[in-house]
């Protein structure tokens, strides 16, 4: 079935549809990862976006039941150069088309994704619509102009009640504030002998402290961090009382709680090979990233900038040593190397151990 993508700047890309047959309208971004399309589709941080995959062949290893990052499907659409519907993988259980159809995610293939990516890089992330080829361009542009960018994503992807992920022989109790948390984060905490209590994003700081945590984890999530001021205030009230570790959106929330500002990047950081310099060790870390917003650089004697993105010098890590609070913009639970970023979880464990002993 012939379908097309129309961008807010008037550009059109005609291709073939797969997945859901509905119309999709959302902000268009691109991801440079070679693998991981299943994890991307099930990452709540992509809520209300459509993703252009720069790697040309997508779907060739199918979808594996054990590899989802959440029960949610955040993206509204995925755009690829060539979709493969005959996977070669002994672990695969379903095709990408089947999963996208079941979860109402629109697909578009046979598109020049190189040109599309260059368009986003040059013009910035913008709203687009995937529709049938015979839809009038002016009609499509009118729908785009009437599309309001959402500001309630976190309230939609956060859990609605407390749930638990326990491990054998636990040493620590961690409260994870869910803004769109990924399963692999919880797995890493469990692997480090932590029982994890996952709470909704708007849980009060009093309720969190009532749960008697040894440490508090602040998760990734979609959208603009300034849309969740309630969570910024919660972190202000928790800081200094318990060790805190934040990832991605959690990094931005911690920054806002400490007087930093955030801003929207031209086309965001999305991929598995972003070079980040650890200013404390001098080492370069190859990182997985997925975010539209960044923390604005500023000097603060209380707050140490610990990591810098080498592509654009944006802030990738902060630490408030006296409060045992630290955070990173990238995703250490899905590091490009097997143990490249796991030291951050060990640092969180060390902070909780020291806090308990004192």
C-alpha atoms as a PDB file:
ATOM      1  CA  UNK A   1       0.000   0.000   0.000  1.00  0.00           C
ATOM      2  CA  UNK A   2       1.438   3.352  -1.062  1.00  0.00           C
ATOM      3  CA  UNK A   3       1.709   5.826   1.793  1.00  0.00           C
ATOM      4  CA  UNK A   4       3.642   9.048   2.326  1.00  0.00           C
ATOM      5  CA  UNK A   5       5.243  11.227   4.954  1.00  0.00           C
ATOM      6  CA  UNK A   6       4.549  14.948   4.792  1.00  0.00           C
ATOM      7  CA  UNK A   7       6.745  17.258   6.884  1.00  0.00           C
ATOM      8  CA  UNK A   8       5.833  20.639   8.340  1.00  0.00           C
ATOM      9  CA  UNK A   9       8.222  22.294   5.854  1.00  0.00           C
ATOM     10  CA  UNK A  10       6.260  20.831   2.926  1.00  0.00           C
ATOM     11  CA  UNK A  11       8.650  18.026   1.963  1.00  0.00           C
ATOM     12  CA  UNK A  12       7.050  14.716   0.948  1.00  0.00           C
ATOM     13  CA  UNK A  13       8.490  11.183   1.093  1.00  0.00           C
ATOM     14  CA  UNK A  14       6.498   8.447  -0.649  1.00  0.00           C
ATOM     15  CA  UNK A  15       6.924   4.816   0.381  1.00  0.00           C
ATOM     16  CA  UNK A  16       5.040   1.659   1.377  1.00  0.00           C
ATOM     17  CA  UNK A  17       3.117   1.146   4.576  1.00  0.00           C
ATOM     18  CA  UNK A  18       3.494  -1.625   7.165  1.00  0.00           C
ATOM     19  CA  UNK A  19       2.299  -2.025  10.735  1.00  0.00           C
ATOM     20  CA  UNK A  20      -0.849  -0.063  11.574  1.00  0.00           C
ATOM     21  CA  UNK A  21      -2.812   1.394   8.662  1.00  0.00           C
ATOM     22  CA  UNK A  22      -4.028   4.436  10.580  1.00  0.00           C
ATOM     23  CA  UNK A  23      -2.850   8.021  10.069  1.00  0.00           C
ATOM     24  CA  UNK A  24      -0.017   9.122  12.374  1.00  0.00           C
ATOM     25  CA  UNK A  25       1.010  12.656  13.266  1.00  0.00           C
ATOM     26  CA  UNK A  26       3.907  13.401  15.625  1.00  0.00           C
ATOM     27  CA  UNK A  27       7.301  15.043  16.019  1.00  0.00           C
ATOM     28  CA  UNK A  28       9.853  13.353  13.755  1.00  0.00           C
ATOM     29  CA  UNK A  29      13.305  12.416  15.116  1.00  0.00           C
ATOM     30  CA  UNK A  30      16.056  10.045  13.976  1.00  0.00           C
ATOM     31  CA  UNK A  31      18.031   7.254  15.655  1.00  0.00           C
ATOM     32  CA  UNK A  32      21.464   6.095  14.457  1.00  0.00           C
ATOM     33  CA  UNK A  33      21.483   2.680  16.181  1.00  0.00           C
ATOM     34  CA  UNK A  34      22.311  -0.356  14.041  1.00  0.00           C
ATOM     35  CA  UNK A  35      20.257  -2.722  16.227  1.00  0.00           C
ATOM     36  CA  UNK A  36      17.683  -2.274  18.970  1.00  0.00           C
ATOM     37  CA  UNK A  37      14.499  -1.380  17.090  1.00  0.00           C
ATOM     38  CA  UNK A  38      12.463  -3.506  19.534  1.00  0.00           C
ATOM     39  CA  UNK A  39      13.935  -1.706  22.540  1.00  0.00           C
ATOM     40  CA  UNK A  40      13.294   1.641  20.826  1.00  0.00           C
ATOM     41  CA  UNK A  41       9.649   0.783  20.154  1.00  0.00           C
ATOM     42  CA  UNK A  42       9.115  -0.252  23.783  1.00  0.00           C
ATOM     43  CA  UNK A  43      10.979   2.721  25.291  1.00  0.00           C
ATOM     44  CA  UNK A  44       8.459   5.145  26.867  1.00  0.00           C
ATOM     45  CA  UNK A  45      10.916   8.014  26.260  1.00  0.00           C
ATOM     46  CA  UNK A  46       9.788   7.975  22.596  1.00  0.00           C
ATOM     47  CA  UNK A  47       6.156   8.677  23.487  1.00  0.00           C
ATOM     48  CA  UNK A  48       4.402  10.855  20.867  1.00  0.00           C
ATOM     49  CA  UNK A  49       7.304  10.757  18.400  1.00  0.00           C
ATOM     50  CA  UNK A  50       7.890   9.112  15.032  1.00  0.00           C
ATOM     51  CA  UNK A  51      11.362   7.669  14.497  1.00  0.00           C
ATOM     52  CA  UNK A  52      13.455   7.556  11.358  1.00  0.00           C
ATOM     53  CA  UNK A  53      15.988   4.705  11.620  1.00  0.00           C
ATOM     54  CA  UNK A  54      19.218   5.631   9.815  1.00  0.00           C
ATOM     55  CA  UNK A  55      20.416   2.010   9.568  1.00  0.00           C
ATOM     56  CA  UNK A  56      19.013   0.813   6.210  1.00  0.00           C
ATOM     57  CA  UNK A  57      17.739  -2.698   7.087  1.00  0.00           C
ATOM     58  CA  UNK A  58      15.168  -3.046   9.893  1.00  0.00           C
ATOM     59  CA  UNK A  59      13.160  -6.095  11.001  1.00  0.00           C
ATOM     60  CA  UNK A  60      15.690  -8.716   9.912  1.00  0.00           C
ATOM     61  CA  UNK A  61      16.023 -10.364  13.354  1.00  0.00           C
ATOM     62  CA  UNK A  62      12.347 -10.097  14.312  1.00  0.00           C
ATOM     63  CA  UNK A  63      11.014  -9.406  17.794  1.00  0.00           C
ATOM     64  CA  UNK A  64      11.912 -11.411  20.913  1.00  0.00           C
ATOM     65  CA  UNK A  65       9.460 -11.693  23.812  1.00  0.00           C
ATOM     66  CA  UNK A  66      12.173 -11.314  26.499  1.00  0.00           C
ATOM     67  CA  UNK A  67      13.713  -8.142  25.047  1.00  0.00           C
ATOM     68  CA  UNK A  68      11.027  -5.507  25.622  1.00  0.00           C
ATOM     69  CA  UNK A  69      11.999  -2.451  27.684  1.00  0.00           C
ATOM     70  CA  UNK A  70       8.433  -1.889  28.943  1.00  0.00           C
ATOM     71  CA  UNK A  71       4.851  -2.929  28.292  1.00  0.00           C
ATOM     72  CA  UNK A  72       4.261   0.403  26.557  1.00  0.00           C
ATOM     73  CA  UNK A  73       4.827   1.303  22.907  1.00  0.00           C
ATOM     74  CA  UNK A  74       5.832   4.965  22.941  1.00  0.00           C
ATOM     75  CA  UNK A  75       6.405   5.884  19.268  1.00  0.00           C
ATOM     76  CA  UNK A  76       3.506   6.608  16.958  1.00  0.00           C
ATOM     77  CA  UNK A  77       5.458   5.572  13.868  1.00  0.00           C
ATOM     78  CA  UNK A  78       8.735   4.120  12.589  1.00  0.00           C
ATOM     79  CA  UNK A  79      10.238   5.035   9.216  1.00  0.00           C
ATOM     80  CA  UNK A  80      12.832   2.753   7.596  1.00  0.00           C
ATOM     81  CA  UNK A  81      14.670   2.403   4.303  1.00  0.00           C
ATOM     82  CA  UNK A  82      14.018  -1.320   3.902  1.00  0.00           C
ATOM     83  CA  UNK A  83      11.716  -3.394   6.085  1.00  0.00           C
ATOM     84  CA  UNK A  84      12.447  -7.152   6.212  1.00  0.00           C
ATOM     85  CA  UNK A  85       9.458  -9.359   7.046  1.00  0.00           C
ATOM     86  CA  UNK A  86      11.324 -12.704   7.031  1.00  0.00           C
ATOM     87  CA  UNK A  87      13.562 -12.630  10.120  1.00  0.00           C
ATOM     88  CA  UNK A  88      16.588 -14.879  10.529  1.00  0.00           C
ATOM     89  CA  UNK A  89      17.033 -15.377  14.276  1.00  0.00           C
ATOM     90  CA  UNK A  90      16.563 -18.528  16.364  1.00  0.00           C
ATOM     91  CA  UNK A  91      15.146 -16.424  19.251  1.00  0.00           C
ATOM     92  CA  UNK A  92      12.522 -14.482  17.328  1.00  0.00           C
ATOM     93  CA  UNK A  93       8.865 -15.080  18.176  1.00  0.00           C
ATOM     94  CA  UNK A  94       7.067 -12.497  16.000  1.00  0.00           C
ATOM     95  CA  UNK A  95       7.793 -10.155  13.140  1.00  0.00           C
ATOM     96  CA  UNK A  96       8.144  -6.412  13.654  1.00  0.00           C
ATOM     97  CA  UNK A  97       5.129  -5.850  11.375  1.00  0.00           C
ATOM     98  CA  UNK A  98       2.937  -8.092  13.546  1.00  0.00           C
ATOM     99  CA  UNK A  99       3.957  -6.312  16.744  1.00  0.00           C
ATOM    100  CA  UNK A 100       3.477  -2.829  15.271  1.00  0.00           C
ATOM    101  CA  UNK A 101       0.075  -3.822  13.886  1.00  0.00           C
ATOM    102  CA  UNK A 102      -1.039  -5.177  17.271  1.00  0.00           C
ATOM    103  CA  UNK A 103       0.142  -2.049  19.103  1.00  0.00           C
ATOM    104  CA  UNK A 104      -1.188   0.487  16.569  1.00  0.00           C
ATOM    105  CA  UNK A 105       2.246   1.792  15.510  1.00  0.00           C
ATOM    106  CA  UNK A 106       2.455   3.021  11.911  1.00  0.00           C
ATOM    107  CA  UNK A 107       5.321   1.920   9.663  1.00  0.00           C
ATOM    108  CA  UNK A 108       6.688   3.438   6.443  1.00  0.00           C
ATOM    109  CA  UNK A 109       9.345   1.709   4.328  1.00  0.00           C
ATOM    110  CA  UNK A 110      11.096   2.260   0.962  1.00  0.00           C
ATOM    111  CA  UNK A 111      11.922   5.830   1.969  1.00  0.00           C
ATOM    112  CA  UNK A 112      15.241   7.650   1.404  1.00  0.00           C
ATOM    113  CA  UNK A 113      16.126   7.799   5.094  1.00  0.00           C
ATOM    114  CA  UNK A 114      19.458   9.492   4.352  1.00  0.00           C
ATOM    115  CA  UNK A 115      17.711  12.498   2.828  1.00  0.00           C
ATOM    116  CA  UNK A 116      15.121  12.473   5.599  1.00  0.00           C
ATOM    117  CA  UNK A 117      17.839  12.441   8.279  1.00  0.00           C
ATOM    118  CA  UNK A 118      19.715  15.284   6.589  1.00  0.00           C
ATOM    119  CA  UNK A 119      16.465  17.273   6.510  1.00  0.00           C
ATOM    120  CA  UNK A 120      16.038  16.871  10.284  1.00  0.00           C
ATOM    121  CA  UNK A 121      19.703  17.701  10.925  1.00  0.00           C
ATOM    122  CA  UNK A 122      19.471  20.865   8.813  1.00  0.00           C
ATOM    123  CA  UNK A 123      16.008  22.057   9.818  1.00  0.00           C
ATOM    124  CA  UNK A 124      15.629  20.490  13.269  1.00  0.00           C
ATOM    125  CA  UNK A 125      13.063  18.031  14.619  1.00  0.00           C
ATOM    126  CA  UNK A 126       9.643  18.857  13.222  1.00  0.00           C
ATOM    127  CA  UNK A 127       6.095  17.541  13.113  1.00  0.00           C
ATOM    128  CA  UNK A 128       5.167  15.200  10.273  1.00  0.00           C
ATOM    129  CA  UNK A 129       2.190  13.116   9.210  1.00  0.00           C
ATOM    130  CA  UNK A 130       2.065   9.654   7.643  1.00  0.00           C
ATOM    131  CA  UNK A 131      -1.026   9.229   5.509  1.00  0.00           C
ATOM    132  CA  UNK A 132      -2.251   7.583   2.302  1.00  0.00           C
ATOM    133  CA  UNK A 133      -0.524   8.755  -0.867  1.00  0.00           C
ATOM    134  CA  UNK A 134      -3.707  10.281  -2.299  1.00  0.00           C
ATOM    135  CA  UNK A 135      -4.217  12.670   0.644  1.00  0.00           C
ATOM    136  CA  UNK A 136      -3.872  16.251  -0.570  1.00  0.00           C
ATOM    137  CA  UNK A 137      -0.648  17.930   0.558  1.00  0.00           C
ATOM    138  CA  UNK A 138      -2.472  21.087   1.717  1.00  0.00           C
ATOM    139  CA  UNK A 139      -4.855  18.963   3.793  1.00  0.00           C
ATOM    140  CA  UNK A 140      -1.893  17.193   5.400  1.00  0.00           C
ATOM    141  CA  UNK A 141      -0.149  20.506   6.178  1.00  0.00           C
ATOM    142  CA  UNK A 142      -3.330  21.868   7.755  1.00  0.00           C
ATOM    143  CA  UNK A 143      -3.501  18.846  10.075  1.00  0.00           C
ATOM    144  CA  UNK A 144       0.145  19.424  11.010  1.00  0.00           C
ATOM    145  CA  UNK A 145      -0.466  23.122  11.761  1.00  0.00           C
ATOM    146  CA  UNK A 146      -3.407  22.199  14.009  1.00  0.00           C
ATOM    147  CA  UNK A 147      -1.439  19.548  15.915  1.00  0.00           C
ATOM    148  CA  UNK A 148      -0.705  20.660  19.504  1.00  0.00           C
ATOM    149  CA  UNK A 149       2.583  19.356  20.896  1.00  0.00           C
ATOM    150  CA  UNK A 150       1.645  17.284  23.991  1.00  0.00           C
ATOM    151  CA  UNK A 151       2.886  18.153  27.488  1.00  0.00           C
ATOM    152  CA  UNK A 152       1.361  15.279  29.498  1.00  0.00           C
ATOM    153  CA  UNK A 153       3.496  12.347  28.379  1.00  0.00           C
ATOM    154  CA  UNK A 154       4.967  11.545  31.794  1.00  0.00           C
ATOM    155  CA  UNK A 155       1.545  11.341  33.446  1.00  0.00           C
ATOM    156  CA  UNK A 156       0.524   8.855  30.735  1.00  0.00           C
ATOM    157  CA  UNK A 157       3.569   6.572  30.854  1.00  0.00           C
ATOM    158  CA  UNK A 158       4.215   6.548  34.611  1.00  0.00           C
ATOM    159  CA  UNK A 159       2.784   3.651  36.606  1.00  0.00           C
ATOM    160  CA  UNK A 160      -0.542   4.324  38.294  1.00  0.00           C
ATOM    161  CA  UNK A 161       0.235   2.484  41.516  1.00  0.00           C
ATOM    162  CA  UNK A 162       3.254   1.170  43.389  1.00  0.00           C
ATOM    163  CA  UNK A 163       4.782  -2.120  42.212  1.00  0.00           C
ATOM    164  CA  UNK A 164       7.819  -4.154  43.258  1.00  0.00           C
ATOM    165  CA  UNK A 165      10.785  -5.943  41.712  1.00  0.00           C
ATOM    166  CA  UNK A 166      12.568  -8.037  44.324  1.00  0.00           C
ATOM    167  CA  UNK A 167      15.815  -9.999  44.213  1.00  0.00           C
ATOM    168  CA  UNK A 168      17.400 -12.848  46.151  1.00  0.00           C
ATOM    169  CA  UNK A 169      19.454 -11.835  49.201  1.00  0.00           C
ATOM    170  CA  UNK A 170      18.780  -8.091  49.003  1.00  0.00           C
ATOM    171  CA  UNK A 171      21.112  -5.636  50.711  1.00  0.00           C
ATOM    172  CA  UNK A 172      19.411  -2.366  49.796  1.00  0.00           C
ATOM    173  CA  UNK A 173      15.935  -0.979  49.243  1.00  0.00           C
ATOM    174  CA  UNK A 174      15.634   1.464  46.339  1.00  0.00           C
ATOM    175  CA  UNK A 175      12.604   3.595  45.486  1.00  0.00           C
ATOM    176  CA  UNK A 176      12.521   4.223  41.731  1.00  0.00           C
ATOM    177  CA  UNK A 177      10.426   7.198  40.605  1.00  0.00           C
ATOM    178  CA  UNK A 178       8.785   6.123  37.357  1.00  0.00           C
ATOM    179  CA  UNK A 179       8.721   8.716  34.565  1.00  0.00           C
ATOM    180  CA  UNK A 180       8.806   5.987  31.907  1.00  0.00           C
ATOM    181  CA  UNK A 181      11.301   3.562  33.439  1.00  0.00           C
ATOM    182  CA  UNK A 182      12.892   0.782  31.370  1.00  0.00           C
ATOM    183  CA  UNK A 183      13.064  -2.823  32.564  1.00  0.00           C
ATOM    184  CA  UNK A 184      16.821  -3.016  32.091  1.00  0.00           C
ATOM    185  CA  UNK A 185      17.354  -0.300  34.714  1.00  0.00           C
ATOM    186  CA  UNK A 186      15.371  -2.344  37.222  1.00  0.00           C
ATOM    187  CA  UNK A 187      17.288  -5.495  36.247  1.00  0.00           C
ATOM    188  CA  UNK A 188      20.614  -3.737  36.886  1.00  0.00           C
ATOM    189  CA  UNK A 189      19.453  -2.597  40.311  1.00  0.00           C
ATOM    190  CA  UNK A 190      18.258  -6.128  41.135  1.00  0.00           C
ATOM    191  CA  UNK A 191      21.608  -7.530  39.957  1.00  0.00           C
ATOM    192  CA  UNK A 192      23.260  -5.196  42.457  1.00  0.00           C
ATOM    193  CA  UNK A 193      21.299  -6.721  45.381  1.00  0.00           C
ATOM    194  CA  UNK A 194      18.588  -4.038  45.440  1.00  0.00           C
ATOM    195  CA  UNK A 195      14.905  -4.620  46.057  1.00  0.00           C
ATOM    196  CA  UNK A 196      13.169  -1.990  43.942  1.00  0.00           C
ATOM    197  CA  UNK A 197       9.885  -0.257  44.743  1.00  0.00           C
ATOM    198  CA  UNK A 198       8.590   1.557  41.653  1.00  0.00           C
ATOM    199  CA  UNK A 199       6.327   4.538  42.416  1.00  0.00           C
ATOM    200  CA  UNK A 200       4.324   6.981  40.230  1.00  0.00           C
ATOM    201  CA  UNK A 201       6.073  10.219  39.229  1.00  0.00           C
ATOM    202  CA  UNK A 202       3.777  12.377  41.402  1.00  0.00           C
ATOM    203  CA  UNK A 203       4.320  10.436  44.641  1.00  0.00           C
ATOM    204  CA  UNK A 204       4.951  12.870  47.501  1.00  0.00           C
ATOM    205  CA  UNK A 205       8.375  13.029  49.117  1.00  0.00           C
ATOM    206  CA  UNK A 206       6.753  12.108  52.472  1.00  0.00           C
ATOM    207  CA  UNK A 207       5.352   8.889  50.963  1.00  0.00           C
ATOM    208  CA  UNK A 208       8.721   8.067  49.405  1.00  0.00           C
ATOM    209  CA  UNK A 209      10.500   8.500  52.756  1.00  0.00           C
ATOM    210  CA  UNK A 210       7.797   6.395  54.447  1.00  0.00           C
ATOM    211  CA  UNK A 211       8.910   3.506  52.221  1.00  0.00           C
ATOM    212  CA  UNK A 212      12.267   3.561  54.080  1.00  0.00           C
ATOM    213  CA  UNK A 213      14.548   3.612  51.026  1.00  0.00           C
ATOM    214  CA  UNK A 214      18.316   3.335  51.233  1.00  0.00           C
ATOM    215  CA  UNK A 215      18.466   5.268  47.971  1.00  0.00           C
ATOM    216  CA  UNK A 216      16.250   6.924  45.379  1.00  0.00           C
ATOM    217  CA  UNK A 217      16.453   6.383  41.624  1.00  0.00           C
ATOM    218  CA  UNK A 218      14.994   8.906  39.152  1.00  0.00           C
ATOM    219  CA  UNK A 219      14.193   7.349  35.782  1.00  0.00           C
ATOM    220  CA  UNK A 220      14.248   8.306  32.136  1.00  0.00           C
ATOM    221  CA  UNK A 221      11.086   9.561  30.460  1.00  0.00           C
ATOM    222  CA  UNK A 222       9.612  11.531  27.554  1.00  0.00           C
ATOM    223  CA  UNK A 223       9.028  15.209  26.913  1.00  0.00           C
ATOM    224  CA  UNK A 224      10.044  18.514  28.444  1.00  0.00           C
ATOM    225  CA  UNK A 225      11.374  18.275  32.021  1.00  0.00           C
ATOM    226  CA  UNK A 226       9.831  21.659  32.878  1.00  0.00           C
ATOM    227  CA  UNK A 227       6.393  20.049  32.405  1.00  0.00           C
ATOM    228  CA  UNK A 228       6.843  18.150  35.702  1.00  0.00           C
ATOM    229  CA  UNK A 229       7.594  20.880  38.236  1.00  0.00           C
ATOM    230  CA  UNK A 230       5.914  18.724  40.871  1.00  0.00           C
ATOM    231  CA  UNK A 231       8.777  16.247  40.521  1.00  0.00           C
ATOM    232  CA  UNK A 232      11.399  19.010  40.665  1.00  0.00           C
ATOM    233  CA  UNK A 233       9.927  20.076  44.020  1.00  0.00           C
ATOM    234  CA  UNK A 234       9.920  16.446  45.218  1.00  0.00           C
ATOM    235  CA  UNK A 235      13.641  16.114  44.471  1.00  0.00           C
ATOM    236  CA  UNK A 236      14.358  19.399  46.269  1.00  0.00           C
ATOM    237  CA  UNK A 237      12.707  17.938  49.360  1.00  0.00           C
ATOM    238  CA  UNK A 238      14.504  14.578  49.087  1.00  0.00           C
ATOM    239  CA  UNK A 239      17.989  15.867  48.311  1.00  0.00           C
ATOM    240  CA  UNK A 240      20.348  15.468  51.247  1.00  0.00           C
ATOM    241  CA  UNK A 241      18.086  12.958  52.974  1.00  0.00           C
ATOM    242  CA  UNK A 242      18.937   9.903  50.846  1.00  0.00           C
ATOM    243  CA  UNK A 243      21.432   9.111  48.044  1.00  0.00           C
ATOM    244  CA  UNK A 244      19.898   9.870  44.630  1.00  0.00           C
ATOM    245  CA  UNK A 245      20.838   8.598  41.152  1.00  0.00           C
ATOM    246  CA  UNK A 246      19.178   9.978  38.003  1.00  0.00           C
ATOM    247  CA  UNK A 247      19.288   8.928  34.337  1.00  0.00           C
ATOM    248  CA  UNK A 248      18.258  10.932  31.242  1.00  0.00           C
ATOM    249  CA  UNK A 249      15.081  12.845  32.219  1.00  0.00           C
ATOM    250  CA  UNK A 250      16.109  12.156  35.818  1.00  0.00           C
ATOM    251  CA  UNK A 251      19.364  14.011  35.110  1.00  0.00           C
ATOM    252  CA  UNK A 252      17.417  17.010  33.820  1.00  0.00           C
ATOM    253  CA  UNK A 253      15.065  17.011  36.828  1.00  0.00           C
ATOM    254  CA  UNK A 254      18.013  16.938  39.254  1.00  0.00           C
ATOM    255  CA  UNK A 255      19.606  19.818  37.311  1.00  0.00           C
ATOM    256  CA  UNK A 256      16.396  21.880  37.549  1.00  0.00           C
ATOM    257  CA  UNK A 257      16.157  21.127  41.269  1.00  0.00           C
ATOM    258  CA  UNK A 258      19.647  22.613  41.694  1.00  0.00           C
ATOM    259  CA  UNK A 259      19.087  25.850  39.818  1.00  0.00           C
ATOM    260  CA  UNK A 260      20.235  24.805  36.343  1.00  0.00           C
ATOM    261  CA  UNK A 261      18.154  25.442  33.214  1.00  0.00           C
ATOM    262  CA  UNK A 262      17.213  23.085  30.376  1.00  0.00           C
ATOM    263  CA  UNK A 263      16.660  23.761  26.684  1.00  0.00           C
ATOM    264  CA  UNK A 264      15.522  21.862  23.590  1.00  0.00           C
ATOM    265  CA  UNK A 265      18.213  20.573  21.235  1.00  0.00           C
ATOM    266  CA  UNK A 266      17.890  21.131  17.494  1.00  0.00           C
ATOM    267  CA  UNK A 267      17.426  17.424  16.713  1.00  0.00           C
ATOM    268  CA  UNK A 268      18.294  15.654  19.971  1.00  0.00           C
ATOM    269  CA  UNK A 269      20.675  12.789  20.739  1.00  0.00           C
ATOM    270  CA  UNK A 270      19.460   9.319  19.727  1.00  0.00           C
ATOM    271  CA  UNK A 271      21.819   6.440  19.073  1.00  0.00           C
ATOM    272  CA  UNK A 272      24.223   3.931  20.595  1.00  0.00           C
ATOM    273  CA  UNK A 273      27.599   5.513  19.829  1.00  0.00           C
ATOM    274  CA  UNK A 274      27.695   8.991  21.370  1.00  0.00           C
ATOM    275  CA  UNK A 275      31.165   9.813  22.765  1.00  0.00           C
ATOM    276  CA  UNK A 276      31.103  11.224  26.296  1.00  0.00           C
ATOM    277  CA  UNK A 277      34.162  12.329  28.254  1.00  0.00           C
ATOM    278  CA  UNK A 278      34.307  11.471  31.932  1.00  0.00           C
ATOM    279  CA  UNK A 279      35.996  14.577  33.354  1.00  0.00           C
ATOM    280  CA  UNK A 280      37.008  12.742  36.528  1.00  0.00           C
ATOM    281  CA  UNK A 281      38.913   9.904  34.809  1.00  0.00           C
ATOM    282  CA  UNK A 282      39.667  11.471  31.422  1.00  0.00           C
ATOM    283  CA  UNK A 283      38.241   8.365  29.720  1.00  0.00           C
ATOM    284  CA  UNK A 284      35.911   8.483  26.718  1.00  0.00           C
ATOM    285  CA  UNK A 285      32.713   6.464  27.104  1.00  0.00           C
ATOM    286  CA  UNK A 286      30.681   5.289  24.110  1.00  0.00           C
ATOM    287  CA  UNK A 287      27.079   5.740  25.219  1.00  0.00           C
ATOM    288  CA  UNK A 288      23.460   5.064  24.333  1.00  0.00           C
ATOM    289  CA  UNK A 289      21.290   8.185  24.269  1.00  0.00           C
ATOM    290  CA  UNK A 290      17.704   9.214  23.677  1.00  0.00           C
ATOM    291  CA  UNK A 291      16.638  12.749  24.565  1.00  0.00           C
ATOM    292  CA  UNK A 292      15.442  16.052  23.069  1.00  0.00           C
ATOM    293  CA  UNK A 293      16.434  18.331  25.960  1.00  0.00           C
ATOM    294  CA  UNK A 294      19.771  19.193  27.536  1.00  0.00           C
ATOM    295  CA  UNK A 295      21.068  20.962  30.644  1.00  0.00           C
ATOM    296  CA  UNK A 296      22.453  24.467  30.134  1.00  0.00           C
ATOM    297  CA  UNK A 297      26.053  24.855  31.266  1.00  0.00           C
ATOM    298  CA  UNK A 298      26.739  27.060  34.295  1.00  0.00           C
ATOM    299  CA  UNK A 299      29.226  27.352  37.141  1.00  0.00           C
ATOM    300  CA  UNK A 300      28.089  26.306  40.599  1.00  0.00           C
ATOM    301  CA  UNK A 301      30.550  25.527  43.388  1.00  0.00           C
ATOM    302  CA  UNK A 302      28.146  22.977  44.925  1.00  0.00           C
ATOM    303  CA  UNK A 303      27.496  21.100  41.678  1.00  0.00           C
ATOM    304  CA  UNK A 304      30.270  19.337  39.753  1.00  0.00           C
ATOM    305  CA  UNK A 305      29.958  18.782  36.010  1.00  0.00           C
ATOM    306  CA  UNK A 306      31.287  15.223  35.646  1.00  0.00           C
ATOM    307  CA  UNK A 307      30.648  14.343  31.973  1.00  0.00           C
ATOM    308  CA  UNK A 308      30.614  16.241  28.657  1.00  0.00           C
ATOM    309  CA  UNK A 309      29.278  15.185  25.250  1.00  0.00           C
ATOM    310  CA  UNK A 310      32.149  15.391  22.755  1.00  0.00           C
ATOM    311  CA  UNK A 311      29.856  15.994  19.762  1.00  0.00           C
ATOM    312  CA  UNK A 312      28.402  19.283  21.003  1.00  0.00           C
ATOM    313  CA  UNK A 313      29.863  19.896  24.502  1.00  0.00           C
ATOM    314  CA  UNK A 314      26.486  19.516  26.223  1.00  0.00           C
ATOM    315  CA  UNK A 315      26.372  18.551  29.912  1.00  0.00           C
ATOM    316  CA  UNK A 316      26.212  14.757  30.306  1.00  0.00           C
ATOM    317  CA  UNK A 317      26.692  14.356  34.048  1.00  0.00           C
ATOM    318  CA  UNK A 318      26.351  16.226  37.350  1.00  0.00           C
ATOM    319  CA  UNK A 319      27.196  15.461  40.967  1.00  0.00           C
ATOM    320  CA  UNK A 320      26.408  17.107  44.308  1.00  0.00           C
ATOM    321  CA  UNK A 321      28.952  15.237  46.508  1.00  0.00           C
ATOM    322  CA  UNK A 322      27.780  16.566  49.885  1.00  0.00           C
ATOM    323  CA  UNK A 323      24.270  15.216  49.231  1.00  0.00           C
ATOM    324  CA  UNK A 324      25.351  11.955  47.540  1.00  0.00           C
ATOM    325  CA  UNK A 325      23.413  12.948  44.421  1.00  0.00           C
ATOM    326  CA  UNK A 326      24.611  12.284  40.878  1.00  0.00           C
ATOM    327  CA  UNK A 327      23.104  11.870  37.434  1.00  0.00           C
ATOM    328  CA  UNK A 328      23.941  11.249  33.782  1.00  0.00           C
ATOM    329  CA  UNK A 329      22.190  12.214  30.562  1.00  0.00           C
ATOM    330  CA  UNK A 330      22.944   8.923  28.801  1.00  0.00           C
ATOM    331  CA  UNK A 331      21.682   5.372  29.453  1.00  0.00           C
ATOM    332  CA  UNK A 332      24.238   3.288  31.396  1.00  0.00           C
ATOM    333  CA  UNK A 333      21.857   0.328  31.566  1.00  0.00           C
ATOM    334  CA  UNK A 334      22.161  -0.077  27.766  1.00  0.00           C
ATOM    335  CA  UNK A 335      25.847   0.716  27.353  1.00  0.00           C
ATOM    336  CA  UNK A 336      27.526   0.067  24.034  1.00  0.00           C
ATOM    337  CA  UNK A 337      30.066  -2.188  25.799  1.00  0.00           C
ATOM    338  CA  UNK A 338      29.175  -4.964  28.293  1.00  0.00           C
ATOM    339  CA  UNK A 339      30.396  -3.142  31.406  1.00  0.00           C
ATOM    340  CA  UNK A 340      31.263   0.315  30.069  1.00  0.00           C
ATOM    341  CA  UNK A 341      28.806   2.274  32.182  1.00  0.00           C
ATOM    342  CA  UNK A 342      27.999  -0.169  34.987  1.00  0.00           C
ATOM    343  CA  UNK A 343      30.345   1.711  37.323  1.00  0.00           C
ATOM    344  CA  UNK A 344      27.541   4.235  37.865  1.00  0.00           C
ATOM    345  CA  UNK A 345      25.338   1.596  39.478  1.00  0.00           C
ATOM    346  CA  UNK A 346      28.297   0.548  41.646  1.00  0.00           C
ATOM    347  CA  UNK A 347      28.751   4.196  42.662  1.00  0.00           C
ATOM    348  CA  UNK A 348      25.066   4.351  43.684  1.00  0.00           C
ATOM    349  CA  UNK A 349      25.545   1.179  45.747  1.00  0.00           C
ATOM    350  CA  UNK A 350      28.643   2.656  47.416  1.00  0.00           C
ATOM    351  CA  UNK A 351      26.726   5.836  48.292  1.00  0.00           C
ATOM    352  CA  UNK A 352      23.913   3.815  49.852  1.00  0.00           C
ATOM    353  CA  UNK A 353      26.384   1.658  51.784  1.00  0.00           C
ATOM    354  CA  UNK A 354      28.193   4.704  53.170  1.00  0.00           C
ATOM    355  CA  UNK A 355      24.900   6.403  54.038  1.00  0.00           C
ATOM    356  CA  UNK A 356      23.678   3.304  55.934  1.00  0.00           C
ATOM    357  CA  UNK A 357      26.934   2.994  57.846  1.00  0.00           C
ATOM    358  CA  UNK A 358      26.748   6.623  58.954  1.00  0.00           C
END
